[in-house]
Amino acid sequence: MTRRDHQDPNVERYSVPARPDTSLLDDDSTLVTMFMAERTILPSPYYFTEVQVVVREEMRKTLTEWMFEVCMEERCDRDVFPLAVSFVDRFLSIEAVHIDQLQCLGTACMMLASKVVEPQQIPSCRLLQYTDFSVDIGDLLSWEMLVLKSLDWKTNSVTAHNFLSHYLYRLKLPSTVESCLQPQLEVLVAMFVMEFQFAILPQSVIAACSLCVAFARLVSDAIAIPAMARQLQIITGINFDLVLHYSVRMVEFVEGVGKKVFEAQQHGTVITSGCDDATTDVTWSENYFAHRLFNPDNYYHQVAVGNESKSNF
């Protein structure tokens, strides 16, 4: 274990987020390099049929939901969860695993992602607590090395949030609009990397689609999706048709989650005042996402900002 792991596992981890580096955001070659780099970290879209023998998509969903809950409990940087899921998918694209090894894999990937992104990693002893000690420190460290070797030590990968920083900087949206978009973007990126059908997309596309969906929700106008997709094509060169296609699918997915949670609330199976409850029909993550995206407390403020967005976009 590292020196950090010998400290009190209940001690809070503090960090000061870095300010955006405008010299990098202004440089078009940075974005070009990111587009090239993401091609080397794409998972296989066929690994459930070509690589894995017993692991199925629903098992991956269960694993990523647990990983998201851990990351939320630890108040991790927004990049930790999508990066950890990327490690999981890249590993599963190469190595077959047994069902009882999935949680250890997810734990190792969260530890690696935390080391890459955060100045203070999640203590491994605390990660073991989240597994109810079904994983021991020896297994965790062994899997950490196994993941690193399988990924050829390529861990400093770009995430959707890295692309979003460049997109938002180039769009020059009003600060009030951007401040409303940011919380939704964090939720949407987490939702989409949790879903295998979207997680296999390039990170740049996940970022662009998340931005299109968030902007359309903000202005309450479906025409905002093609408008934003076209604008992103102009300023970044991203594929318009690809972004438009998956943005529409993502809107349907988001609305489906909202409807599912709403129906559960109507039947009294989910408490509407919080996001800590789950049932056999609604998972913790679905309840959390719905609470963040469909919270009526922010409705009137978003309507006002949405009207401003229409007039400025």
Protein backbone atom coordinates (compact mmCIF):
# COMPACT_ATOMS: atom_id res chain seq x y z
CA MET A 1 0.00 0.00 0.00
CA THR A 2 1.05 3.57 -0.54
CA ARG A 3 1.79 5.95 2.29
CA ARG A 4 -1.60 7.55 1.71
CA ASP A 5 -3.31 4.23 2.35
CA HIS A 6 -1.97 4.08 5.91
CA GLN A 7 -3.79 7.29 6.79
CA ASP A 8 -7.25 7.42 8.28
CA PRO A 9 -9.64 6.21 5.52
CA ASN A 10 -12.25 8.66 6.80
CA VAL A 11 -10.06 11.72 6.16
CA GLU A 12 -11.49 13.96 3.43
CA ARG A 13 -9.50 14.37 0.22
CA TYR A 14 -9.08 18.00 -0.78
CA SER A 15 -7.91 19.50 -4.05
CA VAL A 16 -8.04 22.81 -5.86
CA PRO A 17 -9.18 22.45 -9.50
CA ALA A 18 -6.82 23.91 -12.05
CA ARG A 19 -7.95 26.91 -14.06
CA PRO A 20 -8.41 26.36 -17.81
CA ASP A 21 -5.21 26.92 -19.78
CA THR A 22 -6.30 29.35 -22.50
CA SER A 23 -3.06 28.85 -24.42
CA LEU A 24 -4.08 25.21 -24.97
CA LEU A 25 -7.72 26.05 -25.65
CA ASP A 26 -6.69 28.67 -28.24
CA ASP A 27 -4.38 26.25 -30.05
CA ASP A 28 -6.25 24.27 -32.72
CA SER A 29 -3.43 21.71 -32.84
CA THR A 30 -4.34 20.65 -29.29
CA LEU A 31 -7.83 19.62 -30.40
CA VAL A 32 -6.44 17.90 -33.49
CA THR A 33 -4.04 15.91 -31.30
CA MET A 34 -6.93 14.92 -29.02
CA PHE A 35 -8.96 13.69 -32.00
CA MET A 36 -6.00 11.55 -33.08
CA ALA A 37 -5.31 10.27 -29.56
CA GLU A 38 -8.86 9.06 -28.95
CA ARG A 39 -8.65 6.66 -31.89
CA THR A 40 -6.07 4.57 -30.00
CA ILE A 41 -8.29 4.04 -26.94
CA LEU A 42 -11.56 2.97 -28.54
CA PRO A 43 -12.95 -0.26 -27.05
CA SER A 44 -14.18 -3.00 -29.33
CA PRO A 45 -17.96 -2.81 -29.90
CA TYR A 46 -18.02 -6.61 -30.22
CA TYR A 47 -16.14 -7.73 -27.13
CA PHE A 48 -19.20 -9.35 -25.55
CA THR A 49 -19.41 -11.78 -28.47
CA GLU A 50 -15.77 -12.02 -29.57
CA VAL A 51 -13.81 -11.89 -26.30
CA GLN A 52 -16.01 -12.44 -23.26
CA VAL A 53 -17.39 -15.90 -22.53
CA VAL A 54 -19.61 -15.35 -19.47
CA VAL A 55 -19.70 -11.57 -18.98
CA ARG A 56 -22.73 -9.90 -20.53
CA GLU A 57 -23.83 -6.32 -21.10
CA GLU A 58 -26.19 -6.25 -18.12
CA MET A 59 -23.29 -7.30 -15.87
CA ARG A 60 -21.22 -4.40 -17.19
CA LYS A 61 -24.16 -2.08 -16.42
CA THR A 62 -24.32 -3.35 -12.83
CA LEU A 63 -20.58 -2.87 -12.44
CA THR A 64 -20.54 0.67 -13.83
CA GLU A 65 -23.51 1.68 -11.66
CA TRP A 66 -21.60 0.52 -8.60
CA MET A 67 -18.47 2.35 -9.79
CA PHE A 68 -20.48 5.54 -10.29
CA GLU A 69 -21.93 5.30 -6.79
CA VAL A 70 -18.41 4.90 -5.34
CA CYS A 71 -17.13 7.88 -7.33
CA MET A 72 -20.05 10.00 -6.13
CA GLU A 73 -19.55 8.92 -2.53
CA GLU A 74 -15.86 9.84 -2.79
CA ARG A 75 -16.66 13.14 -4.53
CA CYS A 76 -14.18 12.29 -7.23
CA ASP A 77 -13.16 14.62 -10.01
CA ARG A 78 -15.65 14.47 -12.87
CA ASP A 79 -13.06 12.75 -15.10
CA VAL A 80 -12.44 9.80 -12.76
CA PHE A 81 -15.62 7.85 -13.53
CA PRO A 82 -15.57 8.09 -17.37
CA LEU A 83 -11.83 7.35 -17.38
CA ALA A 84 -12.28 4.31 -15.12
CA VAL A 85 -15.11 3.00 -17.34
CA SER A 86 -12.89 3.51 -20.38
CA PHE A 87 -10.22 1.36 -18.70
CA VAL A 88 -12.82 -1.34 -18.00
CA ASP A 89 -14.06 -1.43 -21.59
CA ARG A 90 -10.55 -1.42 -23.07
CA PHE A 91 -9.53 -4.27 -20.77
CA LEU A 92 -12.65 -6.32 -21.55
CA SER A 93 -11.92 -5.80 -25.25
CA ILE A 94 -8.69 -7.74 -24.79
CA GLU A 95 -9.00 -10.11 -21.83
CA ALA A 96 -11.80 -12.52 -20.90
CA VAL A 97 -12.78 -12.42 -17.23
CA HIS A 98 -15.01 -14.41 -14.91
CA ILE A 99 -18.06 -12.90 -13.26
CA ASP A 100 -16.44 -12.96 -9.81
CA GLN A 101 -13.50 -10.91 -11.16
CA LEU A 102 -15.57 -7.97 -12.43
CA GLN A 103 -15.71 -6.04 -9.18
CA CYS A 104 -11.97 -6.39 -8.69
CA LEU A 105 -11.43 -5.11 -12.23
CA GLY A 106 -13.70 -2.13 -11.62
CA THR A 107 -11.98 -1.35 -8.32
CA ALA A 108 -8.54 -1.46 -9.92
CA CYS A 109 -9.70 0.80 -12.76
CA MET A 110 -11.13 3.35 -10.32
CA MET A 111 -7.87 3.38 -8.39
CA LEU A 112 -5.88 3.90 -11.60
CA ALA A 113 -8.19 6.65 -12.84
CA SER A 114 -7.99 8.42 -9.49
CA LYS A 115 -4.20 8.27 -9.62
CA VAL A 116 -4.15 9.73 -13.12
CA VAL A 117 -6.66 12.53 -12.53
CA GLU A 118 -6.57 13.54 -8.88
CA PRO A 119 -3.76 14.99 -6.76
CA GLN A 120 -4.87 12.72 -3.92
CA GLN A 121 -5.99 9.28 -5.02
CA ILE A 122 -8.80 7.34 -3.41
CA PRO A 123 -7.08 5.33 -0.65
CA SER A 124 -7.05 1.66 -1.60
CA CYS A 125 -8.23 0.72 1.90
CA ARG A 126 -11.38 2.77 1.30
CA LEU A 127 -11.96 1.12 -2.07
CA LEU A 128 -11.74 -2.25 -0.37
CA GLN A 129 -14.44 -1.15 2.07
CA TYR A 130 -16.78 -0.44 -0.84
CA THR A 131 -16.37 -4.06 -1.96
CA ASP A 132 -17.32 -5.26 1.56
CA PHE A 133 -13.79 -6.67 1.60
CA SER A 134 -14.62 -9.23 -1.05
CA VAL A 135 -11.42 -7.94 -2.66
CA ASP A 136 -8.17 -7.91 -0.68
CA ILE A 137 -5.20 -5.62 -1.15
CA GLY A 138 -3.11 -8.31 -2.83
CA ASP A 139 -5.76 -8.94 -5.47
CA LEU A 140 -6.25 -5.22 -6.03
CA LEU A 141 -2.56 -4.53 -6.62
CA SER A 142 -2.24 -7.58 -8.86
CA TRP A 143 -5.19 -6.45 -10.96
CA GLU A 144 -3.80 -2.94 -11.13
CA MET A 145 -0.63 -4.30 -12.75
CA LEU A 146 -2.64 -6.59 -15.01
CA VAL A 147 -4.77 -3.70 -16.26
CA LEU A 148 -1.71 -1.52 -16.83
CA LYS A 149 0.01 -4.23 -18.87
CA SER A 150 -3.12 -4.96 -20.90
CA LEU A 151 -3.56 -1.25 -21.68
CA ASP A 152 0.15 -1.02 -22.55
CA TRP A 153 0.45 1.60 -19.79
CA LYS A 154 -1.62 4.06 -21.86
CA THR A 155 -3.65 5.56 -19.04
CA ASN A 156 -3.49 9.30 -19.67
CA SER A 157 -6.47 9.13 -22.00
CA VAL A 158 -8.75 11.92 -23.15
CA THR A 159 -12.31 11.95 -21.84
CA ALA A 160 -15.52 13.60 -23.00
CA HIS A 161 -14.96 16.38 -20.47
CA ASN A 162 -11.63 17.25 -22.09
CA PHE A 163 -13.41 17.76 -25.40
CA LEU A 164 -16.24 19.70 -23.77
CA SER A 165 -13.75 22.25 -22.46
CA HIS A 166 -12.64 22.95 -26.04
CA TYR A 167 -16.18 22.94 -27.45
CA LEU A 168 -17.53 25.39 -24.88
CA TYR A 169 -14.50 27.66 -25.23
CA ARG A 170 -15.04 27.90 -28.99
CA LEU A 171 -18.81 28.35 -28.78
CA LYS A 172 -18.46 31.49 -26.64
CA LEU A 173 -21.84 31.00 -24.99
CA PRO A 174 -23.05 33.53 -22.38
CA SER A 175 -21.72 32.71 -18.93
CA THR A 176 -25.24 32.20 -17.57
CA VAL A 177 -25.94 29.63 -20.27
CA GLU A 178 -22.67 27.81 -19.73
CA SER A 179 -23.21 27.71 -15.96
CA CYS A 180 -26.58 26.01 -16.54
CA LEU A 181 -25.13 23.56 -19.05
CA GLN A 182 -22.18 22.42 -16.94
CA PRO A 183 -24.14 20.48 -14.25
CA GLN A 184 -26.25 18.78 -16.92
CA LEU A 185 -23.17 17.89 -18.94
CA GLU A 186 -21.56 16.14 -15.99
CA VAL A 187 -24.69 14.05 -15.48
CA LEU A 188 -25.18 13.27 -19.17
CA VAL A 189 -21.57 12.16 -19.72
CA ALA A 190 -21.86 9.79 -16.76
CA MET A 191 -25.17 8.43 -18.08
CA PHE A 192 -23.82 7.81 -21.54
CA VAL A 193 -20.55 6.11 -20.59
CA MET A 194 -22.58 3.84 -18.34
CA GLU A 195 -24.60 2.66 -21.36
CA PHE A 196 -22.59 0.31 -23.59
CA GLN A 197 -24.32 1.45 -26.78
CA PHE A 198 -22.92 4.95 -26.20
CA ALA A 199 -19.70 4.12 -24.34
CA ILE A 200 -18.18 2.55 -27.47
CA LEU A 201 -18.38 5.89 -29.28
CA PRO A 202 -15.33 8.18 -29.52
CA GLN A 203 -15.08 10.52 -26.54
CA SER A 204 -15.37 13.52 -28.87
CA VAL A 205 -18.75 12.25 -30.09
CA ILE A 206 -19.98 11.54 -26.54
CA ALA A 207 -19.02 15.12 -25.64
CA ALA A 208 -20.70 16.62 -28.71
CA CYS A 209 -23.89 14.62 -28.23
CA SER A 210 -24.02 15.49 -24.52
CA LEU A 211 -23.73 19.17 -25.43
CA CYS A 212 -26.48 18.89 -28.05
CA VAL A 213 -28.80 17.11 -25.60
CA ALA A 214 -28.08 19.53 -22.76
CA PHE A 215 -28.60 22.56 -24.99
CA ALA A 216 -31.86 21.20 -26.42
CA ARG A 217 -33.14 20.54 -22.90
CA LEU A 218 -32.15 24.04 -21.83
CA VAL A 219 -34.00 25.81 -24.66
CA SER A 220 -36.82 23.22 -24.77
CA ASP A 221 -36.59 23.02 -28.52
CA ALA A 222 -35.70 19.90 -30.52
CA ILE A 223 -34.42 22.05 -33.41
CA ALA A 224 -31.54 23.02 -31.11
CA ILE A 225 -29.95 19.59 -31.62
CA PRO A 226 -29.20 19.94 -35.36
CA ALA A 227 -28.34 23.62 -34.81
CA MET A 228 -25.76 22.79 -32.16
CA ALA A 229 -24.46 19.80 -34.12
CA ARG A 230 -23.95 22.02 -37.18
CA GLN A 231 -22.19 24.65 -35.09
CA LEU A 232 -19.87 22.02 -33.63
CA GLN A 233 -19.10 20.75 -37.13
CA ILE A 234 -18.14 24.26 -38.20
CA ILE A 235 -15.83 24.98 -35.27
CA THR A 236 -14.29 21.50 -34.81
CA GLY A 237 -14.89 19.54 -38.01
CA ILE A 238 -16.73 16.75 -36.18
CA ASN A 239 -19.08 14.52 -38.19
CA PHE A 240 -22.49 16.22 -38.24
CA ASP A 241 -24.55 13.16 -39.21
CA LEU A 242 -22.95 10.97 -36.54
CA VAL A 243 -23.52 13.55 -33.80
CA LEU A 244 -27.11 14.19 -34.91
CA HIS A 245 -27.95 10.46 -35.07
CA TYR A 246 -26.65 9.63 -31.61
CA SER A 247 -27.95 12.85 -30.05
CA VAL A 248 -31.49 11.86 -31.01
CA ARG A 249 -30.96 8.38 -29.55
CA MET A 250 -29.55 9.88 -26.36
CA VAL A 251 -32.54 12.19 -25.97
CA GLU A 252 -34.81 9.17 -26.20
CA PHE A 253 -32.71 7.36 -23.62
CA VAL A 254 -32.74 10.30 -21.18
CA GLU A 255 -36.48 10.74 -21.54
CA GLY A 256 -36.92 7.00 -20.98
CA VAL A 257 -35.03 7.15 -17.69
CA GLY A 258 -37.09 10.17 -16.59
CA LYS A 259 -40.34 8.42 -17.46
CA LYS A 260 -39.27 5.26 -15.66
CA VAL A 261 -38.47 7.12 -12.44
CA PHE A 262 -41.62 9.25 -12.70
CA GLU A 263 -43.81 6.16 -13.02
CA ALA A 264 -42.06 4.62 -10.01
CA GLN A 265 -42.78 7.80 -8.04
CA GLN A 266 -46.44 7.65 -9.07
CA HIS A 267 -46.61 4.15 -7.62
CA GLY A 268 -44.91 5.30 -4.45
CA THR A 269 -41.80 3.17 -4.85
CA VAL A 270 -39.30 6.07 -4.98
CA ILE A 271 -39.04 9.01 -2.58
CA THR A 272 -39.22 12.22 -4.61
CA SER A 273 -37.25 14.39 -2.19
CA GLY A 274 -33.92 12.66 -2.61
CA CYS A 275 -31.78 10.48 -4.83
CA ASP A 276 -30.55 7.87 -2.34
CA ASP A 277 -33.34 5.37 -2.88
CA ALA A 278 -33.54 2.46 -5.28
CA THR A 279 -36.03 -0.29 -5.96
CA THR A 280 -36.02 -3.47 -7.97
CA ASP A 281 -37.34 -1.39 -10.89
CA VAL A 282 -35.34 1.82 -10.48
CA THR A 283 -31.62 1.74 -9.71
CA TRP A 284 -29.79 4.25 -7.54
CA SER A 285 -28.09 5.79 -10.56
CA GLU A 286 -31.35 6.17 -12.50
CA ASN A 287 -32.96 7.89 -9.53
CA TYR A 288 -29.91 10.15 -9.17
CA PHE A 289 -29.87 11.07 -12.86
CA ALA A 290 -33.59 11.81 -12.91
CA HIS A 291 -33.29 13.92 -9.76
CA ARG A 292 -30.50 15.97 -11.33
CA LEU A 293 -32.02 16.35 -14.79
CA PHE A 294 -35.72 16.70 -14.01
CA ASN A 295 -35.54 18.63 -10.75
CA PRO A 296 -38.42 21.17 -10.79
CA ASP A 297 -36.52 23.49 -8.40
CA ASN A 298 -34.35 24.66 -11.30
CA TYR A 299 -37.12 24.84 -13.89
CA TYR A 300 -37.93 28.56 -13.90
CA HIS A 301 -34.28 29.60 -13.82
CA GLN A 302 -33.55 27.30 -16.75
CA VAL A 303 -36.50 28.69 -18.72
CA ALA A 304 -35.12 32.21 -18.34
CA VAL A 305 -31.64 31.13 -19.34
CA GLY A 306 -33.05 29.04 -22.18
CA ASN A 307 -34.79 32.10 -23.63
CA GLU A 308 -31.50 33.97 -23.46
CA SER A 309 -29.80 31.05 -25.22
CA LYS A 310 -32.25 31.20 -28.13
CA SER A 311 -31.60 34.87 -28.70
CA ASN A 312 -27.81 34.52 -28.51
CA PHE A 313 -27.20 31.25 -30.37
